[in-house]
PDB file of N, CA and C in Angstrom:
ATOM      1  N   MET A   1      -2.802 -21.514  -6.532  1.00  0.00           N
ATOM      2  CA  MET A   1      -2.274 -20.531  -7.056  1.00  0.00           C
ATOM      3  C   MET A   1      -3.296 -19.272  -7.652  1.00  0.00           C
ATOM      4  N   TYR A   2      -3.002 -18.278  -8.289  1.00  0.00           N
ATOM      5  CA  TYR A   2      -4.371 -17.146  -8.490  1.00  0.00           C
ATOM      6  C   TYR A   2      -3.735 -16.896  -9.734  1.00  0.00           C
ATOM      7  N   LYS A   3      -4.376 -16.922 -10.773  1.00  0.00           N
ATOM      8  CA  LYS A   3      -4.001 -16.271 -12.134  1.00  0.00           C
ATOM      9  C   LYS A   3      -4.699 -14.716 -12.370  1.00  0.00           C
ATOM     10  N   ALA A   4      -3.956 -13.748 -12.993  1.00  0.00           N
ATOM     11  CA  ALA A   4      -4.713 -12.747 -13.735  1.00  0.00           C
ATOM     12  C   ALA A   4      -4.172 -12.927 -14.988  1.00  0.00           C
ATOM     13  N   SER A   5      -4.952 -12.240 -15.673  1.00  0.00           N
ATOM     14  CA  SER A   5      -4.623 -11.910 -17.261  1.00  0.00           C
ATOM     15  C   SER A   5      -4.961 -10.521 -17.554  1.00  0.00           C
ATOM     16  N   CYS A   6      -4.618  -9.949 -18.877  1.00  0.00           N
ATOM     17  CA  CYS A   6      -5.498  -8.970 -19.426  1.00  0.00           C
ATOM     18  C   CYS A   6      -6.636  -9.536 -20.341  1.00  0.00           C
ATOM     19  N   HIS A   7      -7.252  -8.786 -20.646  1.00  0.00           N
ATOM     20  CA  HIS A   7      -8.499  -9.083 -21.704  1.00  0.00           C
ATOM     21  C   HIS A   7      -8.071 -10.075 -22.592  1.00  0.00           C
ATOM     22  N   CYS A   8      -7.082 -10.107 -23.570  1.00  0.00           N
ATOM     23  CA  CYS A   8      -6.894 -11.135 -24.525  1.00  0.00           C
ATOM     24  C   CYS A   8      -5.919 -12.082 -24.274  1.00  0.00           C
ATOM     25  N   GLY A   9      -5.383 -12.070 -23.028  1.00  0.00           N
ATOM     26  CA  GLY A   9      -4.618 -13.531 -22.740  1.00  0.00           C
ATOM     27  C   GLY A   9      -3.177 -13.061 -23.048  1.00  0.00           C
ATOM     28  N   ASN A  10      -2.729 -12.061 -23.431  1.00  0.00           N
ATOM     29  CA  ASN A  10      -1.290 -11.985 -23.958  1.00  0.00           C
ATOM     30  C   ASN A  10      -0.415 -11.869 -22.776  1.00  0.00           C
ATOM     31  N   VAL A  11      -0.954 -11.206 -21.711  1.00  0.00           N
ATOM     32  CA  VAL A  11       0.036 -10.915 -20.394  1.00  0.00           C
ATOM     33  C   VAL A  11      -0.819 -11.821 -19.474  1.00  0.00           C
ATOM     34  N   ASN A  12      -0.105 -12.831 -18.754  1.00  0.00           N
ATOM     35  CA  ASN A  12      -0.748 -13.761 -17.729  1.00  0.00           C
ATOM     36  C   ASN A  12       0.316 -13.542 -16.603  1.00  0.00           C
ATOM     37  N   ILE A  13      -0.406 -13.438 -15.215  1.00  0.00           N
ATOM     38  CA  ILE A  13       0.246 -13.095 -13.962  1.00  0.00           C
ATOM     39  C   ILE A  13      -0.118 -14.331 -13.240  1.00  0.00           C
ATOM     40  N   THR A  14       0.668 -15.019 -12.694  1.00  0.00           N
ATOM     41  CA  THR A  14       0.112 -15.891 -11.512  1.00  0.00           C
ATOM     42  C   THR A  14       1.196 -15.399 -10.115  1.00  0.00           C
ATOM     43  N   VAL A  15       0.347 -15.338  -8.943  1.00  0.00           N
ATOM     44  CA  VAL A  15       0.762 -15.378  -7.675  1.00  0.00           C
ATOM     45  C   VAL A  15       0.394 -16.542  -6.517  1.00  0.00           C
ATOM     46  N   SER A  16       0.853 -16.443  -5.836  1.00  0.00           N
ATOM     47  CA  SER A  16       0.428 -17.902  -4.808  1.00  0.00           C
ATOM     48  C   SER A  16      -0.469 -17.785  -3.876  1.00  0.00           C
ATOM     49  N   ASN A  17      -0.269 -16.424  -3.745  1.00  0.00           N
ATOM     50  CA  ASN A  17      -1.325 -15.951  -2.650  1.00  0.00           C
ATOM     51  C   ASN A  17      -2.263 -14.153  -2.810  1.00  0.00           C
ATOM     52  N   LEU A  18      -3.428 -14.259  -2.213  1.00  0.00           N
ATOM     53  CA  LEU A  18      -4.247 -12.947  -2.315  1.00  0.00           C
ATOM     54  C   LEU A  18      -3.591 -12.293  -1.068  1.00  0.00           C
ATOM     55  N   PRO A  19      -3.392 -10.999  -1.727  1.00  0.00           N
ATOM     56  CA  PRO A  19      -3.446  -9.778  -0.687  1.00  0.00           C
ATOM     57  C   PRO A  19      -4.279  -9.707   0.590  1.00  0.00           C
ATOM     58  N   SER A  20      -4.204  -9.432   1.641  1.00  0.00           N
ATOM     59  CA  SER A  20      -5.229  -8.991   2.493  1.00  0.00           C
ATOM     60  C   SER A  20      -6.184  -7.775   1.967  1.00  0.00           C
ATOM     61  N   ALA A  21      -5.648  -7.241   1.326  1.00  0.00           N
ATOM     62  CA  ALA A  21      -6.744  -6.209   0.771  1.00  0.00           C
ATOM     63  C   ALA A  21      -5.789  -5.526  -0.404  1.00  0.00           C
ATOM     64  N   VAL A  22      -6.361  -4.930  -1.613  1.00  0.00           N
ATOM     65  CA  VAL A  22      -6.438  -4.222  -2.448  1.00  0.00           C
ATOM     66  C   VAL A  22      -6.155  -2.683  -2.372  1.00  0.00           C
ATOM     67  N   THR A  23      -5.411  -1.979  -3.065  1.00  0.00           N
ATOM     68  CA  THR A  23      -5.724  -0.556  -2.922  1.00  0.00           C
ATOM     69  C   THR A  23      -6.396   0.523  -4.390  1.00  0.00           C
ATOM     70  N   SER A  24      -6.934   1.203  -3.977  1.00  0.00           N
ATOM     71  CA  SER A  24      -7.640   2.000  -4.911  1.00  0.00           C
ATOM     72  C   SER A  24      -7.286   3.457  -4.419  1.00  0.00           C
ATOM     73  N   CYS A  25      -6.569   3.760  -5.427  1.00  0.00           N
ATOM     74  CA  CYS A  25      -5.850   5.080  -5.447  1.00  0.00           C
ATOM     75  C   CYS A  25      -6.524   6.438  -6.363  1.00  0.00           C
ATOM     76  N   ASN A  26      -6.561   7.517  -5.726  1.00  0.00           N
ATOM     77  CA  ASN A  26      -7.308   8.404  -6.203  1.00  0.00           C
ATOM     78  C   ASN A  26      -6.438   9.704  -6.950  1.00  0.00           C
ATOM     79  N   CYS A  27      -4.986   9.149  -7.118  1.00  0.00           N
ATOM     80  CA  CYS A  27      -4.169   9.963  -7.985  1.00  0.00           C
ATOM     81  C   CYS A  27      -4.696  10.200  -9.519  1.00  0.00           C
ATOM     82  N   SER A  28      -4.008  10.859 -10.049  1.00  0.00           N
ATOM     83  CA  SER A  28      -4.513  11.174 -11.342  1.00  0.00           C
ATOM     84  C   SER A  28      -4.444  10.006 -12.281  1.00  0.00           C
ATOM     85  N   ILE A  29      -3.610   9.309 -12.369  1.00  0.00           N
ATOM     86  CA  ILE A  29      -3.595   7.987 -13.324  1.00  0.00           C
ATOM     87  C   ILE A  29      -4.047   6.727 -12.760  1.00  0.00           C
ATOM     88  N   CYS A  30      -4.149   6.583 -11.532  1.00  0.00           N
ATOM     89  CA  CYS A  30      -4.937   5.432 -11.053  1.00  0.00           C
ATOM     90  C   CYS A  30      -6.421   5.685 -11.204  1.00  0.00           C
ATOM     91  N   ASN A  31      -6.910   7.062 -10.603  1.00  0.00           N
ATOM     92  CA  ASN A  31      -8.367   7.123 -10.866  1.00  0.00           C
ATOM     93  C   ASN A  31      -8.592   6.742 -12.380  1.00  0.00           C
ATOM     94  N   ARG A  32      -7.942   7.128 -13.329  1.00  0.00           N
ATOM     95  CA  ARG A  32      -8.262   7.381 -14.827  1.00  0.00           C
ATOM     96  C   ARG A  32      -8.436   5.529 -14.871  1.00  0.00           C
ATOM     97  N   LEU A  33      -7.528   4.664 -14.438  1.00  0.00           N
ATOM     98  CA  LEU A  33      -7.312   3.622 -14.557  1.00  0.00           C
ATOM     99  C   LEU A  33      -8.533   2.766 -14.232  1.00  0.00           C
ATOM    100  N   GLY A  34      -8.659   2.986 -13.047  1.00  0.00           N
ATOM    101  CA  GLY A  34      -9.590   2.362 -12.255  1.00  0.00           C
ATOM    102  C   GLY A  34      -8.866   0.832 -11.674  1.00  0.00           C
ATOM    103  N   SER A  35      -7.741   1.056 -11.378  1.00  0.00           N
ATOM    104  CA  SER A  35      -7.088  -0.205 -10.864  1.00  0.00           C
ATOM    105  C   SER A  35      -7.047  -0.330  -9.716  1.00  0.00           C
ATOM    106  N   LEU A  36      -7.005  -1.692  -9.258  1.00  0.00           N
ATOM    107  CA  LEU A  36      -7.289  -2.050  -7.558  1.00  0.00           C
ATOM    108  C   LEU A  36      -5.909  -2.760  -7.536  1.00  0.00           C
ATOM    109  N   TRP A  37      -4.733  -1.979  -6.665  1.00  0.00           N
ATOM    110  CA  TRP A  37      -3.477  -2.729  -6.792  1.00  0.00           C
ATOM    111  C   TRP A  37      -3.215  -3.895  -5.507  1.00  0.00           C
ATOM    112  N   ALA A  38      -2.527  -4.962  -5.764  1.00  0.00           N
ATOM    113  CA  ALA A  38      -2.257  -5.763  -5.199  1.00  0.00           C
ATOM    114  C   ALA A  38      -0.528  -6.031  -4.971  1.00  0.00           C
ATOM    115  N   TYR A  39       0.128  -5.636  -3.908  1.00  0.00           N
ATOM    116  CA  TYR A  39       1.388  -5.517  -3.872  1.00  0.00           C
ATOM    117  C   TYR A  39       2.341  -6.621  -3.152  1.00  0.00           C
ATOM    118  N   TYR A  40       3.070  -7.088  -4.342  1.00  0.00           N
ATOM    119  CA  TYR A  40       4.261  -8.282  -3.955  1.00  0.00           C
ATOM    120  C   TYR A  40       5.609  -8.042  -4.155  1.00  0.00           C
ATOM    121  N   LYS A  41       6.150  -9.129  -3.610  1.00  0.00           N
ATOM    122  CA  LYS A  41       7.565  -8.831  -3.539  1.00  0.00           C
ATOM    123  C   LYS A  41       7.604  -9.683  -5.097  1.00  0.00           C
ATOM    124  N   PRO A  42       8.725  -9.201  -5.692  1.00  0.00           N
ATOM    125  CA  PRO A  42       9.054  -9.853  -7.347  1.00  0.00           C
ATOM    126  C   PRO A  42       9.139 -11.032  -7.220  1.00  0.00           C
ATOM    127  N   GLU A  43       9.831 -11.719  -6.401  1.00  0.00           N
ATOM    128  CA  GLU A  43      10.056 -13.316  -6.399  1.00  0.00           C
ATOM    129  C   GLU A  43       8.322 -13.892  -5.589  1.00  0.00           C
ATOM    130  N   GLU A  44       7.358 -13.345  -5.440  1.00  0.00           N
ATOM    131  CA  GLU A  44       6.115 -13.788  -5.548  1.00  0.00           C
ATOM    132  C   GLU A  44       5.191 -13.976  -6.734  1.00  0.00           C
ATOM    133  N   VAL A  45       5.935 -13.411  -7.956  1.00  0.00           N
ATOM    134  CA  VAL A  45       4.862 -12.752  -9.019  1.00  0.00           C
ATOM    135  C   VAL A  45       5.591 -13.441 -10.381  1.00  0.00           C
ATOM    136  N   ASN A  46       4.808 -14.374 -10.939  1.00  0.00           N
ATOM    137  CA  ASN A  46       5.415 -15.061 -12.211  1.00  0.00           C
ATOM    138  C   ASN A  46       4.586 -14.075 -13.471  1.00  0.00           C
ATOM    139  N   ILE A  47       5.040 -13.341 -14.144  1.00  0.00           N
ATOM    140  CA  ILE A  47       4.539 -12.400 -15.430  1.00  0.00           C
ATOM    141  C   ILE A  47       5.116 -13.312 -16.483  1.00  0.00           C
ATOM    142  N   CYS A  48       4.202 -13.605 -17.589  1.00  0.00           N
ATOM    143  CA  CYS A  48       4.099 -14.136 -18.323  1.00  0.00           C
ATOM    144  C   CYS A  48       3.613 -13.787 -19.864  1.00  0.00           C
ATOM    145  N   ILE A  49       4.673 -13.333 -20.883  1.00  0.00           N
ATOM    146  CA  ILE A  49       4.019 -12.820 -22.096  1.00  0.00           C
ATOM    147  C   ILE A  49       3.751 -13.626 -23.125  1.00  0.00           C
ATOM    148  N   ASN A  50       2.943 -13.558 -23.654  1.00  0.00           N
ATOM    149  CA  ASN A  50       2.857 -14.704 -25.024  1.00  0.00           C
ATOM    150  C   ASN A  50       3.439 -14.016 -26.230  1.00  0.00           C
ATOM    151  N   SER A  51       3.184 -13.246 -26.489  1.00  0.00           N
ATOM    152  CA  SER A  51       3.558 -12.673 -27.943  1.00  0.00           C
ATOM    153  C   SER A  51       4.273 -11.294 -27.813  1.00  0.00           C
ATOM    154  N   GLU A  52       3.232 -10.556 -27.512  1.00  0.00           N
ATOM    155  CA  GLU A  52       3.206  -8.796 -27.765  1.00  0.00           C
ATOM    156  C   GLU A  52       3.841  -8.676 -26.394  1.00  0.00           C
ATOM    157  N   PRO A  53       4.886  -7.949 -26.405  1.00  0.00           N
ATOM    158  CA  PRO A  53       5.738  -7.552 -25.117  1.00  0.00           C
ATOM    159  C   PRO A  53       4.963  -6.395 -24.526  1.00  0.00           C
ATOM    160  N   THR A  54       4.939  -6.160 -23.475  1.00  0.00           N
ATOM    161  CA  THR A  54       4.235  -4.925 -22.594  1.00  0.00           C
ATOM    162  C   THR A  54       4.611  -3.705 -23.016  1.00  0.00           C
ATOM    163  N   LYS A  55       3.567  -2.471 -22.942  1.00  0.00           N
ATOM    164  CA  LYS A  55       4.215  -1.243 -23.168  1.00  0.00           C
ATOM    165  C   LYS A  55       4.401  -0.709 -21.871  1.00  0.00           C
ATOM    166  N   THR A  56       5.239   0.379 -21.802  1.00  0.00           N
ATOM    167  CA  THR A  56       5.244   1.184 -20.017  1.00  0.00           C
ATOM    168  C   THR A  56       4.849   2.568 -20.248  1.00  0.00           C
ATOM    169  N   TYR A  57       4.341   3.319 -18.990  1.00  0.00           N
ATOM    170  CA  TYR A  57       4.381   4.549 -18.851  1.00  0.00           C
ATOM    171  C   TYR A  57       4.843   5.001 -17.624  1.00  0.00           C
ATOM    172  N   LEU A  58       5.840   5.867 -17.760  1.00  0.00           N
ATOM    173  CA  LEU A  58       6.432   6.726 -17.042  1.00  0.00           C
ATOM    174  C   LEU A  58       5.599   8.209 -16.583  1.00  0.00           C
ATOM    175  N   TRP A  59       5.387   8.553 -15.058  1.00  0.00           N
ATOM    176  CA  TRP A  59       4.568   9.602 -14.931  1.00  0.00           C
ATOM    177  C   TRP A  59       5.157  10.725 -13.989  1.00  0.00           C
ATOM    178  N   GLY A  60       5.173  11.770 -13.971  1.00  0.00           N
ATOM    179  CA  GLY A  60       5.604  12.515 -12.576  1.00  0.00           C
ATOM    180  C   GLY A  60       7.136  11.845 -12.303  1.00  0.00           C
ATOM    181  N   ASP A  61       7.277  11.544 -11.085  1.00  0.00           N
ATOM    182  CA  ASP A  61       8.210  11.342 -10.442  1.00  0.00           C
ATOM    183  C   ASP A  61       9.124  10.219 -10.895  1.00  0.00           C
ATOM    184  N   LYS A  62       8.499   9.567 -11.970  1.00  0.00           N
ATOM    185  CA  LYS A  62       8.972   8.298 -12.844  1.00  0.00           C
ATOM    186  C   LYS A  62       9.451   7.230 -11.672  1.00  0.00           C
ATOM    187  N   PHE A  63       8.869   7.358 -10.740  1.00  0.00           N
ATOM    188  CA  PHE A  63       9.320   5.732  -9.752  1.00  0.00           C
ATOM    189  C   PHE A  63       8.697   4.897 -10.166  1.00  0.00           C
ATOM    190  N   ILE A  64       7.478   4.534 -10.751  1.00  0.00           N
ATOM    191  CA  ILE A  64       6.817   3.826 -11.013  1.00  0.00           C
ATOM    192  C   ILE A  64       6.634   3.423 -12.506  1.00  0.00           C
ATOM    193  N   GLU A  65       6.568   2.266 -13.121  1.00  0.00           N
ATOM    194  CA  GLU A  65       6.764   1.818 -14.755  1.00  0.00           C
ATOM    195  C   GLU A  65       5.326   1.033 -14.716  1.00  0.00           C
ATOM    196  N   LEU A  66       4.453   1.898 -15.187  1.00  0.00           N
ATOM    197  CA  LEU A  66       2.937   1.171 -15.581  1.00  0.00           C
ATOM    198  C   LEU A  66       2.987   0.244 -16.576  1.00  0.00           C
ATOM    199  N   HIS A  67       2.571  -0.854 -16.624  1.00  0.00           N
ATOM    200  CA  HIS A  67       2.886  -1.838 -17.616  1.00  0.00           C
ATOM    201  C   HIS A  67       1.186  -2.151 -17.914  1.00  0.00           C
ATOM    202  N   HIS A  68       1.048  -1.830 -19.604  1.00  0.00           N
ATOM    203  CA  HIS A  68      -0.233  -2.517 -19.959  1.00  0.00           C
ATOM    204  C   HIS A  68       0.262  -3.324 -21.527  1.00  0.00           C
ATOM    205  N   CYS A  69      -0.662  -4.064 -21.843  1.00  0.00           N
ATOM    206  CA  CYS A  69      -0.658  -4.920 -22.852  1.00  0.00           C
ATOM    207  C   CYS A  69      -0.546  -4.542 -24.206  1.00  0.00           C
ATOM    208  N   GLY A  70       0.204  -4.929 -24.811  1.00  0.00           N
ATOM    209  CA  GLY A  70       0.651  -4.343 -25.965  1.00  0.00           C
ATOM    210  C   GLY A  70      -0.396  -4.496 -27.324  1.00  0.00           C
ATOM    211  N   ILE A  71      -1.326  -5.585 -26.858  1.00  0.00           N
ATOM    212  CA  ILE A  71      -2.501  -5.991 -28.065  1.00  0.00           C
ATOM    213  C   ILE A  71      -3.620  -5.246 -27.337  1.00  0.00           C
ATOM    214  N   CYS A  72      -3.842  -5.725 -26.381  1.00  0.00           N
ATOM    215  CA  CYS A  72      -5.178  -5.157 -25.941  1.00  0.00           C
ATOM    216  C   CYS A  72      -5.393  -4.010 -24.853  1.00  0.00           C
ATOM    217  N   GLY A  73      -4.317  -3.263 -24.514  1.00  0.00           N
ATOM    218  CA  GLY A  73      -4.130  -2.298 -23.526  1.00  0.00           C
ATOM    219  C   GLY A  73      -4.651  -2.176 -22.186  1.00  0.00           C
ATOM    220  N   CYS A  74      -4.890  -3.120 -21.593  1.00  0.00           N
ATOM    221  CA  CYS A  74      -5.068  -3.214 -20.481  1.00  0.00           C
ATOM    222  C   CYS A  74      -3.851  -3.246 -19.306  1.00  0.00           C
ATOM    223  N   THR A  75      -4.030  -2.259 -18.573  1.00  0.00           N
ATOM    224  CA  THR A  75      -3.353  -2.072 -17.470  1.00  0.00           C
ATOM    225  C   THR A  75      -2.934  -3.226 -16.739  1.00  0.00           C
ATOM    226  N   THR A  76      -1.831  -3.885 -16.662  1.00  0.00           N
ATOM    227  CA  THR A  76      -1.832  -5.177 -15.783  1.00  0.00           C
ATOM    228  C   THR A  76      -0.762  -5.191 -14.417  1.00  0.00           C
ATOM    229  N   HIS A  77       0.191  -4.176 -14.585  1.00  0.00           N
ATOM    230  CA  HIS A  77       1.000  -4.124 -13.164  1.00  0.00           C
ATOM    231  C   HIS A  77       1.953  -3.051 -13.496  1.00  0.00           C
ATOM    232  N   TYR A  78       2.306  -2.949 -12.539  1.00  0.00           N
ATOM    233  CA  TYR A  78       3.248  -1.973 -12.229  1.00  0.00           C
ATOM    234  C   TYR A  78       4.676  -2.430 -11.780  1.00  0.00           C
ATOM    235  N   THR A  79       6.061  -1.790 -11.869  1.00  0.00           N
ATOM    236  CA  THR A  79       7.196  -1.795 -11.026  1.00  0.00           C
ATOM    237  C   THR A  79       7.912  -0.599 -10.768  1.00  0.00           C
ATOM    238  N   SER A  80       8.560  -0.903  -9.687  1.00  0.00           N
ATOM    239  CA  SER A  80       9.271   0.067  -9.225  1.00  0.00           C
ATOM    240  C   SER A  80      10.379   0.423  -9.767  1.00  0.00           C
ATOM    241  N   THR A  81      10.385   1.785 -10.556  1.00  0.00           N
ATOM    242  CA  THR A  81      11.890   1.975 -11.105  1.00  0.00           C
ATOM    243  C   THR A  81      13.114   2.105  -9.961  1.00  0.00           C
ATOM    244  N   GLU A  82      12.817   2.763  -8.769  1.00  0.00           N
ATOM    245  CA  GLU A  82      14.144   2.759  -7.707  1.00  0.00           C
ATOM    246  C   GLU A  82      14.609   1.288  -7.480  1.00  0.00           C
ATOM    247  N   LYS A  83      16.137   1.448  -7.485  1.00  0.00           N
ATOM    248  CA  LYS A  83      16.940   0.194  -6.751  1.00  0.00           C
ATOM    249  C   LYS A  83      17.013   0.241  -5.183  1.00  0.00           C
ATOM    250  N   CYS A  84      16.018   0.174  -4.652  1.00  0.00           N
ATOM    251  CA  CYS A  84      16.138   0.238  -3.254  1.00  0.00           C
ATOM    252  C   CYS A  84      15.642  -1.516  -2.639  1.00  0.00           C
ATOM    253  N   GLU A  85      16.031  -1.534  -1.128  1.00  0.00           N
ATOM    254  CA  GLU A  85      15.871  -3.120  -0.890  1.00  0.00           C
ATOM    255  C   GLU A  85      14.501  -3.653  -0.942  1.00  0.00           C
ATOM    256  N   GLU A  86      13.517  -2.249  -0.712  1.00  0.00           N
ATOM    257  CA  GLU A  86      11.938  -2.813  -1.049  1.00  0.00           C
ATOM    258  C   GLU A  86      11.541  -2.701  -2.158  1.00  0.00           C
ATOM    259  N   GLN A  87      11.928  -3.490  -3.305  1.00  0.00           N
ATOM    260  CA  GLN A  87      11.297  -3.614  -4.521  1.00  0.00           C
ATOM    261  C   GLN A  87      10.078  -4.114  -4.199  1.00  0.00           C
ATOM    262  N   ARG A  88       8.827  -3.937  -5.301  1.00  0.00           N
ATOM    263  CA  ARG A  88       7.754  -4.357  -4.970  1.00  0.00           C
ATOM    264  C   ARG A  88       7.090  -4.187  -6.717  1.00  0.00           C
ATOM    265  N   ILE A  89       6.248  -5.029  -6.976  1.00  0.00           N
ATOM    266  CA  ILE A  89       5.373  -5.502  -8.043  1.00  0.00           C
ATOM    267  C   ILE A  89       3.956  -5.180  -7.452  1.00  0.00           C
ATOM    268  N   ALA A  90       3.510  -3.982  -8.362  1.00  0.00           N
ATOM    269  CA  ALA A  90       1.511  -4.301  -8.187  1.00  0.00           C
ATOM    270  C   ALA A  90       0.968  -5.085  -8.947  1.00  0.00           C
ATOM    271  N   VAL A  91       0.132  -5.918  -8.954  1.00  0.00           N
ATOM    272  CA  VAL A  91      -0.484  -6.303  -9.875  1.00  0.00           C
ATOM    273  C   VAL A  91      -1.905  -5.802  -9.702  1.00  0.00           C
ATOM    274  N   ASN A  92      -2.437  -5.436 -11.013  1.00  0.00           N
ATOM    275  CA  ASN A  92      -3.643  -4.877 -11.167  1.00  0.00           C
ATOM    276  C   ASN A  92      -4.784  -6.004 -10.710  1.00  0.00           C
ATOM    277  N   GLY A  93      -5.517  -5.890  -9.486  1.00  0.00           N
ATOM    278  CA  GLY A  93      -6.499  -6.653  -9.273  1.00  0.00           C
ATOM    279  C   GLY A  93      -7.378  -7.112 -10.106  1.00  0.00           C
ATOM    280  N   ARG A  94      -7.803  -5.766 -11.141  1.00  0.00           N
ATOM    281  CA  ARG A  94      -8.969  -5.949 -12.173  1.00  0.00           C
ATOM    282  C   ARG A  94      -8.891  -7.065 -13.025  1.00  0.00           C
ATOM    283  N   MET A  95      -7.576  -7.616 -12.876  1.00  0.00           N
ATOM    284  CA  MET A  95      -6.996  -8.781 -13.770  1.00  0.00           C
ATOM    285  C   MET A  95      -7.474 -10.082 -13.365  1.00  0.00           C
ATOM    286  N   LEU A  96      -7.754 -10.157 -12.407  1.00  0.00           N
ATOM    287  CA  LEU A  96      -7.967 -11.326 -11.314  1.00  0.00           C
ATOM    288  C   LEU A  96      -9.674 -11.619 -12.004  1.00  0.00           C
ATOM    289  N   ASN A  97      -9.897 -12.962 -11.211  1.00  0.00           N
ATOM    290  CA  ASN A  97     -11.375 -13.183 -11.909  1.00  0.00           C
ATOM    291  C   ASN A  97     -12.200 -12.449 -11.244  1.00  0.00           C
ATOM    292  N   LEU A  98     -13.287 -12.032 -11.536  1.00  0.00           N
ATOM    293  CA  LEU A  98     -14.405 -11.080 -10.836  1.00  0.00           C
ATOM    294  C   LEU A  98     -14.778 -11.720  -9.283  1.00  0.00           C
ATOM    295  N   ASP A  99     -15.006 -13.031  -9.225  1.00  0.00           N
ATOM    296  CA  ASP A  99     -15.065 -13.633  -7.774  1.00  0.00           C
ATOM    297  C   ASP A  99     -14.350 -13.417  -6.870  1.00  0.00           C
ATOM    298  N   THR A 100     -13.001 -13.361  -7.561  1.00  0.00           N
ATOM    299  CA  THR A 100     -11.929 -13.511  -6.771  1.00  0.00           C
ATOM    300  C   THR A 100     -11.452 -11.864  -6.025  1.00  0.00           C
ATOM    301  N   ILE A 101     -11.549 -11.042  -6.953  1.00  0.00           N
ATOM    302  CA  ILE A 101     -11.128  -9.635  -6.788  1.00  0.00           C
ATOM    303  C   ILE A 101     -12.586  -8.996  -5.565  1.00  0.00           C
ATOM    304  N   GLN A 102     -13.657  -9.348  -6.012  1.00  0.00           N
ATOM    305  CA  GLN A 102     -14.556  -9.211  -4.987  1.00  0.00           C
ATOM    306  C   GLN A 102     -14.824  -9.466  -3.629  1.00  0.00           C
ATOM    307  N   SER A 103     -13.646 -10.550  -3.553  1.00  0.00           N
ATOM    308  CA  SER A 103     -13.792 -11.050  -2.019  1.00  0.00           C
ATOM    309  C   SER A 103     -12.500 -10.636  -1.349  1.00  0.00           C
ATOM    310  N   ILE A 104     -11.873  -9.624  -2.046  1.00  0.00           N
ATOM    311  CA  ILE A 104     -10.988  -8.739  -1.021  1.00  0.00           C
ATOM    312  C   ILE A 104     -11.282  -7.172  -0.614  1.00  0.00           C
ATOM    313  N   PRO A 105     -11.168  -6.733   0.483  1.00  0.00           N
ATOM    314  CA  PRO A 105     -11.389  -5.321   1.118  1.00  0.00           C
ATOM    315  C   PRO A 105     -10.522  -4.701   0.354  1.00  0.00           C
ATOM    316  N   ILE A 106     -11.347  -3.663   0.403  1.00  0.00           N
ATOM    317  CA  ILE A 106     -10.213  -2.139  -0.746  1.00  0.00           C
ATOM    318  C   ILE A 106     -10.108  -1.122   0.301  1.00  0.00           C
ATOM    319  N   ARG A 107      -9.092  -0.963   0.342  1.00  0.00           N
ATOM    320  CA  ARG A 107      -8.310   0.111   1.050  1.00  0.00           C
ATOM    321  C   ARG A 107      -8.094   1.351  -0.095  1.00  0.00           C
ATOM    322  N   LYS A 108      -8.836   2.504   0.284  1.00  0.00           N
ATOM    323  CA  LYS A 108      -8.696   3.755  -0.259  1.00  0.00           C
ATOM    324  C   LYS A 108      -7.166   4.500   0.121  1.00  0.00           C
ATOM    325  N   PHE A 109      -6.882   5.268  -1.173  1.00  0.00           N
ATOM    326  CA  PHE A 109      -5.423   5.728  -0.777  1.00  0.00           C
ATOM    327  C   PHE A 109      -5.336   7.129  -1.407  1.00  0.00           C
ATOM    328  N   ASP A 110      -5.310   8.271  -0.366  1.00  0.00           N
ATOM    329  CA  ASP A 110      -5.336   9.597  -1.169  1.00  0.00           C
ATOM    330  C   ASP A 110      -3.836   9.895  -1.855  1.00  0.00           C
ATOM    331  N   GLY A 111      -3.747   9.232  -3.173  1.00  0.00           N
ATOM    332  CA  GLY A 111      -2.440   9.655  -4.081  1.00  0.00           C
ATOM    333  C   GLY A 111      -2.397  10.839  -4.353  1.00  0.00           C
ATOM    334  N   ALA A 112      -3.880  11.705  -4.289  1.00  0.00           N
ATOM    335  CA  ALA A 112      -4.129  12.659  -5.353  1.00  0.00           C
ATOM    336  C   ALA A 112      -3.624  13.792  -4.144  1.00  0.00           C
ATOM    337  N   ASP A 113      -3.639  13.641  -2.771  1.00  0.00           N
ATOM    338  CA  ASP A 113      -3.218  15.031  -2.251  1.00  0.00           C
ATOM    339  C   ASP A 113      -2.537  14.784  -0.901  1.00  0.00           C
ATOM    340  N   SER A 114      -2.890  13.743   0.172  1.00  0.00           N
ATOM    341  CA  SER A 114      -2.316  13.700   1.642  1.00  0.00           C
ATOM    342  C   SER A 114      -1.126  12.577   1.673  1.00  0.00           C
ATOM    343  N   TRP A 115      -1.377  11.607   0.566  1.00  0.00           N
ATOM    344  CA  TRP A 115      -0.604  10.659   0.380  1.00  0.00           C
ATOM    345  C   TRP A 115      -0.395   9.644   1.516  1.00  0.00           C
ATOM    346  N   ARG A 116      -2.449   9.326   2.260  1.00  0.00           N
ATOM    347  CA  ARG A 116      -2.528   8.576   3.575  1.00  0.00           C
ATOM    348  C   ARG A 116      -3.458   7.990   3.058  1.00  0.00           C
ATOM    349  N   PHE A 117      -4.147   6.459   3.745  1.00  0.00           N
ATOM    350  CA  PHE A 117      -4.772   5.851   3.544  1.00  0.00           C
ATOM    351  C   PHE A 117      -6.060   6.801   4.324  1.00  0.00           C
ATOM    352  N   ILE A 118      -7.350   6.661   3.629  1.00  0.00           N
ATOM    353  CA  ILE A 118      -8.168   7.224   4.027  1.00  0.00           C
ATOM    354  C   ILE A 118      -9.430   6.735   4.508  1.00  0.00           C
ATOM    355  N   ASP A 119      -9.155   5.369   4.764  1.00  0.00           N
ATOM    356  CA  ASP A 119     -10.231   4.802   5.488  1.00  0.00           C
ATOM    357  C   ASP A 119      -9.719   3.799   6.708  1.00  0.00           C
TER     358      ASP A 119
END
């Protein structure tokens, strides 16, 4: 099991496996957040909120709901707002232990322009 958490420990995320890579996106929000996204099926992720619920942010086409801790403000994950067959949760790899996240290759995604991986 791998554990991720926000800075204050209010939001705790557990996953059973690490992804083969994380995604660094250069779209206007991901670039500002500095997030590294690890993608999972909803049943592969356990999210536990201790006291303060997450706050969400929807932007642009409103297809993803970015969740951040209501206490410390760390962006912990996002969920898809579309009801489609391939639902997914993206966990911000920056919430994992530093040694763990440094061991995972980073793929760069051009979300600002071409919507293609650029590596």
